[in-house]
Amino acid sequence: MKLPRRTFLRLASGVAALPAVAGFAGAQAYPTRTVKFILPFGPASGIDIAARLFADRLAARWGKPVVVENRPGGEGLIAIGAFVSANDDHTLLFSPVGTFAVHPYGQEKLPYNAERDLQPIASVSTILLAVSISESLKVGSLAELVAIARAQPGKLNAAAANVLKETGLQMAKVPYRDMTQAPNDLAEGRIQVLMASLATMQPQMQTGRIAVTSRARAPIVPDIPTVIEAGYPALAMDGLVGLFGPRAMPRDVRERIASDLQAIAAADPVIVGRLAATGQIVDVRGPAEFAAGIAEQRATLAAIAKTLGIRSTQ
């Protein structure tokens, strides 16, 4: 008997889903074997350090190994592709939200669907971004920078500061293949404005930072105001980093992992200090809060893209 196409597709999709669902552990039993974190960055990066700190603590708490696998390259697509292909609740993606949030603005075709394939488990940290200026400008605040840039449109050289166009500023964009060179150029006056992670600026830059984009001041540089305090809330962005599970991962398992991460962060001051040294703030949020943070970051990027005249390809 020949089945109608719609009936066949419905049955086929149901059968295809059976192995994945059947292989997923419940919250009380999780984990039942080795857990793997896949990272879109190489060893010794700030994200790698965070992943290994939490992996070690989770392994001790769970009594099961937690390993870190570095899969850099392809603007994050290599790591995300490996994670999605695994479709295994013991293989998790450890990544900044920005890694995949920017894909719709630079990739014509994506081999994954973020909302379907990347289920938020928990954020673990916020990457600290700072706006820094060359000492040659002799300004001490974001408002003073804006005033100079508006008075001299196109005269200032800027790196990784596209978000500042939200203020209507016109600056010459200086591209970098390796952003670690940018702080040196800022210090030597070849560029006048730089927006990058605090980790990138340390230890080259100890002065010239005029604002951080996080919503709260950074403990590592407590005297530097936030962009909100400086009067430019549109520039605020929390660079969330966290764990993601596969599409069929049960909510109770994600809640369980998030709860364990929260307990670890609260009990271990070493993590706070180690992450601060890499320009990160410990920021553990459960699935719902993390999802809300992701949506907010996407909205911010969409607004910036609109300002820059960049259209989403998705």
C-alpha atoms as a PDB file:
ATOM      1  CA  MET A   1       0.000   0.000   0.000  1.00  0.00           C
ATOM      2  CA  LYS A   2       1.376   3.404  -0.955  1.00  0.00           C
ATOM      3  CA  LEU A   3       1.399   5.900   1.895  1.00  0.00           C
ATOM      4  CA  PRO A   4       0.484   9.547   1.258  1.00  0.00           C
ATOM      5  CA  ARG A   5       3.594  11.755   1.193  1.00  0.00           C
ATOM      6  CA  ARG A   6       2.547  13.715   4.290  1.00  0.00           C
ATOM      7  CA  THR A   7       1.941  10.529   6.291  1.00  0.00           C
ATOM      8  CA  PHE A   8       5.277   9.095   5.203  1.00  0.00           C
ATOM      9  CA  LEU A   9       7.199  12.215   6.193  1.00  0.00           C
ATOM     10  CA  ARG A  10       5.485  12.324   9.581  1.00  0.00           C
ATOM     11  CA  LEU A  11       6.309   8.670  10.267  1.00  0.00           C
ATOM     12  CA  ALA A  12       9.860   9.007   8.983  1.00  0.00           C
ATOM     13  CA  SER A  13      10.579  12.039  11.159  1.00  0.00           C
ATOM     14  CA  GLY A  14       9.196  10.243  14.202  1.00  0.00           C
ATOM     15  CA  VAL A  15      11.328   7.157  13.593  1.00  0.00           C
ATOM     16  CA  ALA A  16      14.414   9.264  12.967  1.00  0.00           C
ATOM     17  CA  ALA A  17      13.943  10.971  16.312  1.00  0.00           C
ATOM     18  CA  LEU A  18      13.658   7.757  18.339  1.00  0.00           C
ATOM     19  CA  PRO A  19      17.372   6.949  18.763  1.00  0.00           C
ATOM     20  CA  ALA A  20      18.217  10.498  19.839  1.00  0.00           C
ATOM     21  CA  VAL A  21      15.403  10.753  22.379  1.00  0.00           C
ATOM     22  CA  ALA A  22      15.975   7.253  23.722  1.00  0.00           C
ATOM     23  CA  GLY A  23      19.682   7.959  24.203  1.00  0.00           C
ATOM     24  CA  PHE A  24      19.198  11.089  26.315  1.00  0.00           C
ATOM     25  CA  ALA A  25      19.639  10.738  30.060  1.00  0.00           C
ATOM     26  CA  GLY A  26      17.202  12.058  32.654  1.00  0.00           C
ATOM     27  CA  ALA A  27      18.239  14.795  35.075  1.00  0.00           C
ATOM     28  CA  GLN A  28      18.793  12.475  38.043  1.00  0.00           C
ATOM     29  CA  ALA A  29      20.976  10.065  36.053  1.00  0.00           C
ATOM     30  CA  TYR A  30      22.985  12.715  34.177  1.00  0.00           C
ATOM     31  CA  PRO A  31      25.788  12.276  33.340  1.00  0.00           C
ATOM     32  CA  THR A  32      26.124   8.556  32.723  1.00  0.00           C
ATOM     33  CA  ARG A  33      29.490   8.760  30.928  1.00  0.00           C
ATOM     34  CA  THR A  34      32.200  11.180  29.810  1.00  0.00           C
ATOM     35  CA  VAL A  35      30.978  14.690  28.948  1.00  0.00           C
ATOM     36  CA  LYS A  36      32.693  16.659  26.189  1.00  0.00           C
ATOM     37  CA  PHE A  37      32.868  20.449  25.772  1.00  0.00           C
ATOM     38  CA  ILE A  38      33.491  21.557  22.181  1.00  0.00           C
ATOM     39  CA  LEU A  39      35.061  25.026  21.886  1.00  0.00           C
ATOM     40  CA  PRO A  40      35.385  27.291  18.825  1.00  0.00           C
ATOM     41  CA  PHE A  41      38.718  28.623  20.168  1.00  0.00           C
ATOM     42  CA  GLY A  42      42.202  27.222  20.646  1.00  0.00           C
ATOM     43  CA  PRO A  43      44.073  26.266  23.817  1.00  0.00           C
ATOM     44  CA  ALA A  44      45.060  28.998  26.298  1.00  0.00           C
ATOM     45  CA  SER A  45      42.386  31.419  25.050  1.00  0.00           C
ATOM     46  CA  GLY A  46      40.180  33.061  27.662  1.00  0.00           C
ATOM     47  CA  ILE A  47      37.272  30.826  26.663  1.00  0.00           C
ATOM     48  CA  ASP A  48      39.497  27.743  26.888  1.00  0.00           C
ATOM     49  CA  ILE A  49      40.618  28.709  30.392  1.00  0.00           C
ATOM     50  CA  ALA A  50      37.005  29.173  31.501  1.00  0.00           C
ATOM     51  CA  ALA A  51      35.936  25.881  29.949  1.00  0.00           C
ATOM     52  CA  ARG A  52      38.706  23.922  31.668  1.00  0.00           C
ATOM     53  CA  LEU A  53      38.027  25.512  35.056  1.00  0.00           C
ATOM     54  CA  PHE A  54      34.363  24.548  34.951  1.00  0.00           C
ATOM     55  CA  ALA A  55      35.102  21.158  33.370  1.00  0.00           C
ATOM     56  CA  ASP A  56      37.444  20.231  36.215  1.00  0.00           C
ATOM     57  CA  ARG A  57      34.914  21.265  38.879  1.00  0.00           C
ATOM     58  CA  LEU A  58      32.025  19.486  37.168  1.00  0.00           C
ATOM     59  CA  ALA A  59      34.074  16.302  36.805  1.00  0.00           C
ATOM     60  CA  ALA A  60      34.755  16.316  40.546  1.00  0.00           C
ATOM     61  CA  ARG A  61      31.077  16.978  41.302  1.00  0.00           C
ATOM     62  CA  TRP A  62      29.703  14.383  38.878  1.00  0.00           C
ATOM     63  CA  GLY A  63      32.285  11.646  39.283  1.00  0.00           C
ATOM     64  CA  LYS A  64      32.566  11.430  35.489  1.00  0.00           C
ATOM     65  CA  PRO A  65      35.277  12.861  33.206  1.00  0.00           C
ATOM     66  CA  VAL A  66      34.594  16.192  31.502  1.00  0.00           C
ATOM     67  CA  VAL A  67      36.966  16.781  28.583  1.00  0.00           C
ATOM     68  CA  VAL A  68      37.577  19.872  26.469  1.00  0.00           C
ATOM     69  CA  GLU A  69      37.962  19.615  22.705  1.00  0.00           C
ATOM     70  CA  ASN A  70      39.281  22.677  20.876  1.00  0.00           C
ATOM     71  CA  ARG A  71      37.881  23.091  17.357  1.00  0.00           C
ATOM     72  CA  PRO A  72      38.961  26.580  16.232  1.00  0.00           C
ATOM     73  CA  GLY A  73      38.565  27.973  12.735  1.00  0.00           C
ATOM     74  CA  GLY A  74      35.849  28.656  10.204  1.00  0.00           C
ATOM     75  CA  GLU A  75      34.516  31.571  12.283  1.00  0.00           C
ATOM     76  CA  GLY A  76      33.077  29.083  14.753  1.00  0.00           C
ATOM     77  CA  LEU A  77      31.378  26.898  12.147  1.00  0.00           C
ATOM     78  CA  ILE A  78      33.799  23.990  12.622  1.00  0.00           C
ATOM     79  CA  ALA A  79      33.017  23.691  16.334  1.00  0.00           C
ATOM     80  CA  ILE A  80      29.282  24.249  15.904  1.00  0.00           C
ATOM     81  CA  GLY A  81      29.171  21.714  13.076  1.00  0.00           C
ATOM     82  CA  ALA A  82      30.914  19.078  15.211  1.00  0.00           C
ATOM     83  CA  PHE A  83      28.540  19.747  18.093  1.00  0.00           C
ATOM     84  CA  VAL A  84      25.366  19.613  15.988  1.00  0.00           C
ATOM     85  CA  SER A  85      26.512  16.460  14.166  1.00  0.00           C
ATOM     86  CA  ALA A  86      27.101  14.657  17.461  1.00  0.00           C
ATOM     87  CA  ASN A  87      23.460  15.161  18.571  1.00  0.00           C
ATOM     88  CA  ASP A  88      24.455  13.763  21.948  1.00  0.00           C
ATOM     89  CA  ASP A  89      23.452  15.152  25.336  1.00  0.00           C
ATOM     90  CA  HIS A  90      26.959  14.370  26.636  1.00  0.00           C
ATOM     91  CA  THR A  91      28.543  16.539  23.924  1.00  0.00           C
ATOM     92  CA  LEU A  92      28.018  20.227  24.697  1.00  0.00           C
ATOM     93  CA  LEU A  93      29.036  23.459  23.001  1.00  0.00           C
ATOM     94  CA  PHE A  94      30.992  25.925  25.143  1.00  0.00           C
ATOM     95  CA  SER A  95      30.958  29.222  23.292  1.00  0.00           C
ATOM     96  CA  PRO A  96      30.410  32.979  23.365  1.00  0.00           C
ATOM     97  CA  VAL A  97      26.982  33.960  22.065  1.00  0.00           C
ATOM     98  CA  GLY A  98      28.666  36.354  19.669  1.00  0.00           C
ATOM     99  CA  THR A  99      30.299  33.456  17.824  1.00  0.00           C
ATOM    100  CA  PHE A 100      26.991  32.390  16.277  1.00  0.00           C
ATOM    101  CA  ALA A 101      24.967  35.594  16.717  1.00  0.00           C
ATOM    102  CA  VAL A 102      27.007  37.289  13.973  1.00  0.00           C
ATOM    103  CA  HIS A 103      26.697  34.420  11.480  1.00  0.00           C
ATOM    104  CA  PRO A 104      23.455  35.695   9.897  1.00  0.00           C
ATOM    105  CA  TYR A 105      25.307  38.875   8.888  1.00  0.00           C
ATOM    106  CA  GLY A 106      28.323  37.230   7.284  1.00  0.00           C
ATOM    107  CA  GLN A 107      27.344  33.750   6.107  1.00  0.00           C
ATOM    108  CA  GLU A 108      25.173  33.129   3.057  1.00  0.00           C
ATOM    109  CA  LYS A 109      24.248  29.608   4.168  1.00  0.00           C
ATOM    110  CA  LEU A 110      24.421  28.090   7.621  1.00  0.00           C
ATOM    111  CA  PRO A 111      24.626  24.344   8.310  1.00  0.00           C
ATOM    112  CA  TYR A 112      22.612  24.761  11.502  1.00  0.00           C
ATOM    113  CA  ASN A 113      19.636  26.595  12.962  1.00  0.00           C
ATOM    114  CA  ALA A 114      20.648  28.383  16.159  1.00  0.00           C
ATOM    115  CA  GLU A 115      17.199  28.442  17.758  1.00  0.00           C
ATOM    116  CA  ARG A 116      16.613  24.773  16.999  1.00  0.00           C
ATOM    117  CA  ASP A 117      20.078  23.242  17.372  1.00  0.00           C
ATOM    118  CA  LEU A 118      21.637  25.291  20.195  1.00  0.00           C
ATOM    119  CA  GLN A 119      19.588  24.868  23.358  1.00  0.00           C
ATOM    120  CA  PRO A 120      20.748  27.236  26.153  1.00  0.00           C
ATOM    121  CA  ILE A 121      21.910  25.441  29.284  1.00  0.00           C
ATOM    122  CA  ALA A 122      23.636  28.181  31.264  1.00  0.00           C
ATOM    123  CA  SER A 123      25.847  31.189  30.817  1.00  0.00           C
ATOM    124  CA  VAL A 124      29.088  31.031  32.781  1.00  0.00           C
ATOM    125  CA  SER A 125      30.698  34.410  32.173  1.00  0.00           C
ATOM    126  CA  THR A 126      30.544  37.778  30.461  1.00  0.00           C
ATOM    127  CA  ILE A 127      33.426  38.909  28.271  1.00  0.00           C
ATOM    128  CA  LEU A 128      34.436  42.442  29.163  1.00  0.00           C
ATOM    129  CA  LEU A 129      34.743  44.867  26.259  1.00  0.00           C
ATOM    130  CA  ALA A 130      36.268  48.295  26.663  1.00  0.00           C
ATOM    131  CA  VAL A 131      36.442  51.475  24.619  1.00  0.00           C
ATOM    132  CA  SER A 132      40.000  52.793  24.679  1.00  0.00           C
ATOM    133  CA  ILE A 133      41.548  55.892  23.151  1.00  0.00           C
ATOM    134  CA  SER A 134      45.045  57.031  22.284  1.00  0.00           C
ATOM    135  CA  GLU A 135      46.665  59.312  24.826  1.00  0.00           C
ATOM    136  CA  SER A 136      47.333  61.730  21.959  1.00  0.00           C
ATOM    137  CA  LEU A 137      43.617  62.628  21.919  1.00  0.00           C
ATOM    138  CA  LYS A 138      43.854  63.880  25.511  1.00  0.00           C
ATOM    139  CA  VAL A 139      40.272  62.971  26.404  1.00  0.00           C
ATOM    140  CA  GLY A 140      39.094  61.253  29.538  1.00  0.00           C
ATOM    141  CA  SER A 141      35.512  60.276  28.841  1.00  0.00           C
ATOM    142  CA  LEU A 142      33.262  58.763  26.212  1.00  0.00           C
ATOM    143  CA  ALA A 143      31.379  62.070  25.905  1.00  0.00           C
ATOM    144  CA  GLU A 144      34.628  63.905  25.080  1.00  0.00           C
ATOM    145  CA  LEU A 145      35.497  61.269  22.461  1.00  0.00           C
ATOM    146  CA  VAL A 146      32.080  61.645  20.849  1.00  0.00           C
ATOM    147  CA  ALA A 147      32.493  65.434  20.752  1.00  0.00           C
ATOM    148  CA  ILE A 148      35.890  65.221  19.037  1.00  0.00           C
ATOM    149  CA  ALA A 149      34.730  62.568  16.548  1.00  0.00           C
ATOM    150  CA  ARG A 150      31.680  64.642  15.609  1.00  0.00           C
ATOM    151  CA  ALA A 151      33.788  67.763  15.192  1.00  0.00           C
ATOM    152  CA  GLN A 152      36.252  65.876  12.947  1.00  0.00           C
ATOM    153  CA  PRO A 153      34.207  63.314  10.956  1.00  0.00           C
ATOM    154  CA  GLY A 154      36.370  60.671   9.327  1.00  0.00           C
ATOM    155  CA  LYS A 155      39.589  61.953  10.908  1.00  0.00           C
ATOM    156  CA  LEU A 156      39.979  59.361  13.662  1.00  0.00           C
ATOM    157  CA  ASN A 157      41.237  55.857  12.934  1.00  0.00           C
ATOM    158  CA  ALA A 158      39.302  53.168  14.789  1.00  0.00           C
ATOM    159  CA  ALA A 159      39.579  49.397  15.173  1.00  0.00           C
ATOM    160  CA  ALA A 160      36.734  47.036  16.061  1.00  0.00           C
ATOM    161  CA  ALA A 161      34.557  50.011  16.982  1.00  0.00           C
ATOM    162  CA  ASN A 162      31.643  49.657  14.573  1.00  0.00           C
ATOM    163  CA  VAL A 163      29.236  49.744  17.489  1.00  0.00           C
ATOM    164  CA  LEU A 164      30.210  53.381  18.080  1.00  0.00           C
ATOM    165  CA  LYS A 165      28.341  54.273  14.882  1.00  0.00           C
ATOM    166  CA  GLU A 166      25.238  53.958  17.053  1.00  0.00           C
ATOM    167  CA  THR A 167      26.226  57.439  18.263  1.00  0.00           C
ATOM    168  CA  GLY A 168      26.362  58.761  14.697  1.00  0.00           C
ATOM    169  CA  LEU A 169      30.171  58.930  14.648  1.00  0.00           C
ATOM    170  CA  GLN A 170      32.158  58.744  11.437  1.00  0.00           C
ATOM    171  CA  MET A 171      35.593  57.187  11.901  1.00  0.00           C
ATOM    172  CA  ALA A 172      37.986  55.494   9.500  1.00  0.00           C
ATOM    173  CA  LYS A 173      37.841  51.747  10.072  1.00  0.00           C
ATOM    174  CA  VAL A 174      41.205  49.980  10.386  1.00  0.00           C
ATOM    175  CA  PRO A 175      40.920  46.193   9.853  1.00  0.00           C
ATOM    176  CA  TYR A 176      43.178  43.742  11.685  1.00  0.00           C
ATOM    177  CA  ARG A 177      43.911  40.141  10.872  1.00  0.00           C
ATOM    178  CA  ASP A 178      45.351  39.754  14.375  1.00  0.00           C
ATOM    179  CA  MET A 179      43.676  41.975  16.986  1.00  0.00           C
ATOM    180  CA  THR A 180      46.598  41.558  19.407  1.00  0.00           C
ATOM    181  CA  GLN A 181      48.444  44.147  17.310  1.00  0.00           C
ATOM    182  CA  ALA A 182      45.756  46.796  17.780  1.00  0.00           C
ATOM    183  CA  PRO A 183      46.664  47.788  21.385  1.00  0.00           C
ATOM    184  CA  ASN A 184      50.262  48.427  20.304  1.00  0.00           C
ATOM    185  CA  ASP A 185      49.067  50.633  17.447  1.00  0.00           C
ATOM    186  CA  LEU A 186      46.766  52.487  19.841  1.00  0.00           C
ATOM    187  CA  ALA A 187      49.619  53.071  22.278  1.00  0.00           C
ATOM    188  CA  GLU A 188      51.814  54.386  19.450  1.00  0.00           C
ATOM    189  CA  GLY A 189      49.087  56.598  17.988  1.00  0.00           C
ATOM    190  CA  ARG A 190      48.579  54.822  14.664  1.00  0.00           C
ATOM    191  CA  ILE A 191      44.945  54.375  15.612  1.00  0.00           C
ATOM    192  CA  GLN A 192      43.018  56.624  17.986  1.00  0.00           C
ATOM    193  CA  VAL A 193      40.075  54.445  19.070  1.00  0.00           C
ATOM    194  CA  LEU A 194      39.860  50.763  19.909  1.00  0.00           C
ATOM    195  CA  MET A 195      36.967  48.673  21.136  1.00  0.00           C
ATOM    196  CA  ALA A 196      38.082  45.196  22.184  1.00  0.00           C
ATOM    197  CA  SER A 197      38.156  42.775  25.073  1.00  0.00           C
ATOM    198  CA  LEU A 198      40.062  43.718  28.190  1.00  0.00           C
ATOM    199  CA  ALA A 199      42.023  40.502  27.758  1.00  0.00           C
ATOM    200  CA  THR A 200      43.253  41.735  24.366  1.00  0.00           C
ATOM    201  CA  MET A 201      44.362  45.020  25.907  1.00  0.00           C
ATOM    202  CA  GLN A 202      46.180  43.487  28.854  1.00  0.00           C
ATOM    203  CA  PRO A 203      48.980  43.989  29.687  1.00  0.00           C
ATOM    204  CA  GLN A 204      49.867  46.418  26.864  1.00  0.00           C
ATOM    205  CA  MET A 205      47.226  48.979  27.818  1.00  0.00           C
ATOM    206  CA  GLN A 206      47.030  50.165  31.388  1.00  0.00           C
ATOM    207  CA  THR A 207      45.658  53.599  30.502  1.00  0.00           C
ATOM    208  CA  GLY A 208      43.338  55.099  27.916  1.00  0.00           C
ATOM    209  CA  ARG A 209      40.281  52.980  28.709  1.00  0.00           C
ATOM    210  CA  ILE A 210      37.268  55.255  29.036  1.00  0.00           C
ATOM    211  CA  ALA A 211      34.289  52.890  29.262  1.00  0.00           C
ATOM    212  CA  VAL A 212      33.280  49.237  29.460  1.00  0.00           C
ATOM    213  CA  THR A 213      30.260  47.888  27.586  1.00  0.00           C
ATOM    214  CA  SER A 214      29.070  45.572  30.349  1.00  0.00           C
ATOM    215  CA  ARG A 215      26.029  46.589  32.393  1.00  0.00           C
ATOM    216  CA  ALA A 216      28.036  46.533  35.607  1.00  0.00           C
ATOM    217  CA  ARG A 217      31.522  47.843  36.288  1.00  0.00           C
ATOM    218  CA  ALA A 218      34.336  45.352  35.834  1.00  0.00           C
ATOM    219  CA  PRO A 219      35.988  44.270  39.108  1.00  0.00           C
ATOM    220  CA  ILE A 220      39.366  44.173  37.377  1.00  0.00           C
ATOM    221  CA  VAL A 221      39.032  47.892  36.426  1.00  0.00           C
ATOM    222  CA  PRO A 222      36.496  49.249  38.953  1.00  0.00           C
ATOM    223  CA  ASP A 223      37.289  52.911  38.240  1.00  0.00           C
ATOM    224  CA  ILE A 224      36.198  52.725  34.593  1.00  0.00           C
ATOM    225  CA  PRO A 225      32.510  53.622  34.092  1.00  0.00           C
ATOM    226  CA  THR A 226      30.084  51.620  32.007  1.00  0.00           C
ATOM    227  CA  VAL A 227      28.722  53.029  28.742  1.00  0.00           C
ATOM    228  CA  ILE A 228      25.366  53.293  30.522  1.00  0.00           C
ATOM    229  CA  GLU A 229      26.877  55.475  33.234  1.00  0.00           C
ATOM    230  CA  ALA A 230      28.578  57.499  30.507  1.00  0.00           C
ATOM    231  CA  GLY A 231      25.202  58.256  28.955  1.00  0.00           C
ATOM    232  CA  TYR A 232      25.264  55.866  25.993  1.00  0.00           C
ATOM    233  CA  PRO A 233      23.052  52.888  26.923  1.00  0.00           C
ATOM    234  CA  ALA A 234      22.697  51.859  23.249  1.00  0.00           C
ATOM    235  CA  LEU A 235      26.330  50.730  23.354  1.00  0.00           C
ATOM    236  CA  ALA A 236      25.788  48.317  26.265  1.00  0.00           C
ATOM    237  CA  MET A 237      26.400  44.692  25.435  1.00  0.00           C
ATOM    238  CA  ASP A 238      27.008  41.686  27.652  1.00  0.00           C
ATOM    239  CA  GLY A 239      29.313  39.312  25.777  1.00  0.00           C
ATOM    240  CA  LEU A 240      27.795  36.172  27.267  1.00  0.00           C
ATOM    241  CA  VAL A 241      29.687  32.870  27.229  1.00  0.00           C
ATOM    242  CA  GLY A 242      27.933  29.634  28.050  1.00  0.00           C
ATOM    243  CA  LEU A 243      27.007  26.025  27.490  1.00  0.00           C
ATOM    244  CA  PHE A 244      24.570  24.757  24.880  1.00  0.00           C
ATOM    245  CA  GLY A 245      22.945  21.352  24.518  1.00  0.00           C
ATOM    246  CA  PRO A 246      21.514  19.568  21.465  1.00  0.00           C
ATOM    247  CA  ARG A 247      18.010  20.129  20.163  1.00  0.00           C
ATOM    248  CA  ALA A 248      16.319  17.280  22.049  1.00  0.00           C
ATOM    249  CA  MET A 249      18.033  17.797  25.396  1.00  0.00           C
ATOM    250  CA  PRO A 250      15.317  17.769  28.108  1.00  0.00           C
ATOM    251  CA  ARG A 251      14.742  20.976  30.037  1.00  0.00           C
ATOM    252  CA  ASP A 252      15.222  19.252  33.396  1.00  0.00           C
ATOM    253  CA  VAL A 253      18.716  18.092  32.387  1.00  0.00           C
ATOM    254  CA  ARG A 254      19.655  21.618  31.339  1.00  0.00           C
ATOM    255  CA  GLU A 255      18.303  22.935  34.647  1.00  0.00           C
ATOM    256  CA  ARG A 256      20.342  20.347  36.536  1.00  0.00           C
ATOM    257  CA  ILE A 257      23.584  21.324  34.791  1.00  0.00           C
ATOM    258  CA  ALA A 258      22.867  25.020  35.344  1.00  0.00           C
ATOM    259  CA  SER A 259      22.242  24.400  39.038  1.00  0.00           C
ATOM    260  CA  ASP A 260      25.562  22.576  39.357  1.00  0.00           C
ATOM    261  CA  LEU A 261      27.393  25.405  37.595  1.00  0.00           C
ATOM    262  CA  GLN A 262      25.792  27.965  39.916  1.00  0.00           C
ATOM    263  CA  ALA A 263      26.841  25.972  42.977  1.00  0.00           C
ATOM    264  CA  ILE A 264      30.400  25.667  41.679  1.00  0.00           C
ATOM    265  CA  ALA A 265      30.709  29.386  40.897  1.00  0.00           C
ATOM    266  CA  ALA A 266      29.342  30.355  44.313  1.00  0.00           C
ATOM    267  CA  ALA A 267      31.720  28.072  46.201  1.00  0.00           C
ATOM    268  CA  ASP A 268      34.977  28.583  44.310  1.00  0.00           C
ATOM    269  CA  PRO A 269      36.620  32.052  44.470  1.00  0.00           C
ATOM    270  CA  VAL A 270      39.520  30.774  42.373  1.00  0.00           C
ATOM    271  CA  ILE A 271      37.266  30.771  39.309  1.00  0.00           C
ATOM    272  CA  VAL A 272      36.383  34.435  39.842  1.00  0.00           C
ATOM    273  CA  GLY A 273      40.041  35.447  40.024  1.00  0.00           C
ATOM    274  CA  ARG A 274      41.176  33.324  37.088  1.00  0.00           C
ATOM    275  CA  LEU A 275      38.430  34.583  34.809  1.00  0.00           C
ATOM    276  CA  ALA A 276      38.992  38.199  35.857  1.00  0.00           C
ATOM    277  CA  ALA A 277      42.591  37.848  34.663  1.00  0.00           C
ATOM    278  CA  THR A 278      41.270  36.900  31.213  1.00  0.00           C
ATOM    279  CA  GLY A 279      38.832  39.826  31.052  1.00  0.00           C
ATOM    280  CA  GLN A 280      35.716  37.910  32.084  1.00  0.00           C
ATOM    281  CA  ILE A 281      33.180  38.232  34.895  1.00  0.00           C
ATOM    282  CA  VAL A 282      31.588  35.109  36.334  1.00  0.00           C
ATOM    283  CA  ASP A 283      27.937  35.327  35.285  1.00  0.00           C
ATOM    284  CA  VAL A 284      25.991  32.090  35.713  1.00  0.00           C
ATOM    285  CA  ARG A 285      22.383  32.160  34.498  1.00  0.00           C
ATOM    286  CA  GLY A 286      19.957  29.274  34.072  1.00  0.00           C
ATOM    287  CA  PRO A 287      18.312  28.259  30.762  1.00  0.00           C
ATOM    288  CA  ALA A 288      15.533  30.875  30.811  1.00  0.00           C
ATOM    289  CA  GLU A 289      17.760  33.778  31.864  1.00  0.00           C
ATOM    290  CA  PHE A 290      20.470  32.722  29.441  1.00  0.00           C
ATOM    291  CA  ALA A 291      17.932  32.528  26.597  1.00  0.00           C
ATOM    292  CA  ALA A 292      16.742  36.042  27.462  1.00  0.00           C
ATOM    293  CA  GLY A 293      20.336  37.304  27.426  1.00  0.00           C
ATOM    294  CA  ILE A 294      20.904  35.706  24.021  1.00  0.00           C
ATOM    295  CA  ALA A 295      17.772  37.368  22.633  1.00  0.00           C
ATOM    296  CA  GLU A 296      18.935  40.714  23.992  1.00  0.00           C
ATOM    297  CA  GLN A 297      22.389  40.344  22.459  1.00  0.00           C
ATOM    298  CA  ARG A 298      20.867  39.399  19.100  1.00  0.00           C
ATOM    299  CA  ALA A 299      18.629  42.468  19.235  1.00  0.00           C
ATOM    300  CA  THR A 300      21.643  44.679  19.964  1.00  0.00           C
ATOM    301  CA  LEU A 301      23.564  43.206  17.031  1.00  0.00           C
ATOM    302  CA  ALA A 302      20.542  43.642  14.767  1.00  0.00           C
ATOM    303  CA  ALA A 303      20.330  47.318  15.718  1.00  0.00           C
ATOM    304  CA  ILE A 304      24.031  47.803  15.055  1.00  0.00           C
ATOM    305  CA  ALA A 305      23.768  46.002  11.704  1.00  0.00           C
ATOM    306  CA  LYS A 306      20.881  48.241  10.728  1.00  0.00           C
ATOM    307  CA  THR A 307      22.898  51.331  11.613  1.00  0.00           C
ATOM    308  CA  LEU A 308      25.810  50.034   9.506  1.00  0.00           C
ATOM    309  CA  GLY A 309      23.518  49.128   6.619  1.00  0.00           C
ATOM    310  CA  ILE A 310      24.250  45.389   6.938  1.00  0.00           C
ATOM    311  CA  ARG A 311      21.414  43.018   6.109  1.00  0.00           C
ATOM    312  CA  SER A 312      20.913  39.570   7.540  1.00  0.00           C
ATOM    313  CA  THR A 313      21.413  36.815   4.972  1.00  0.00           C
ATOM    314  CA  GLN A 314      19.093  34.450   6.826  1.00  0.00           C
END
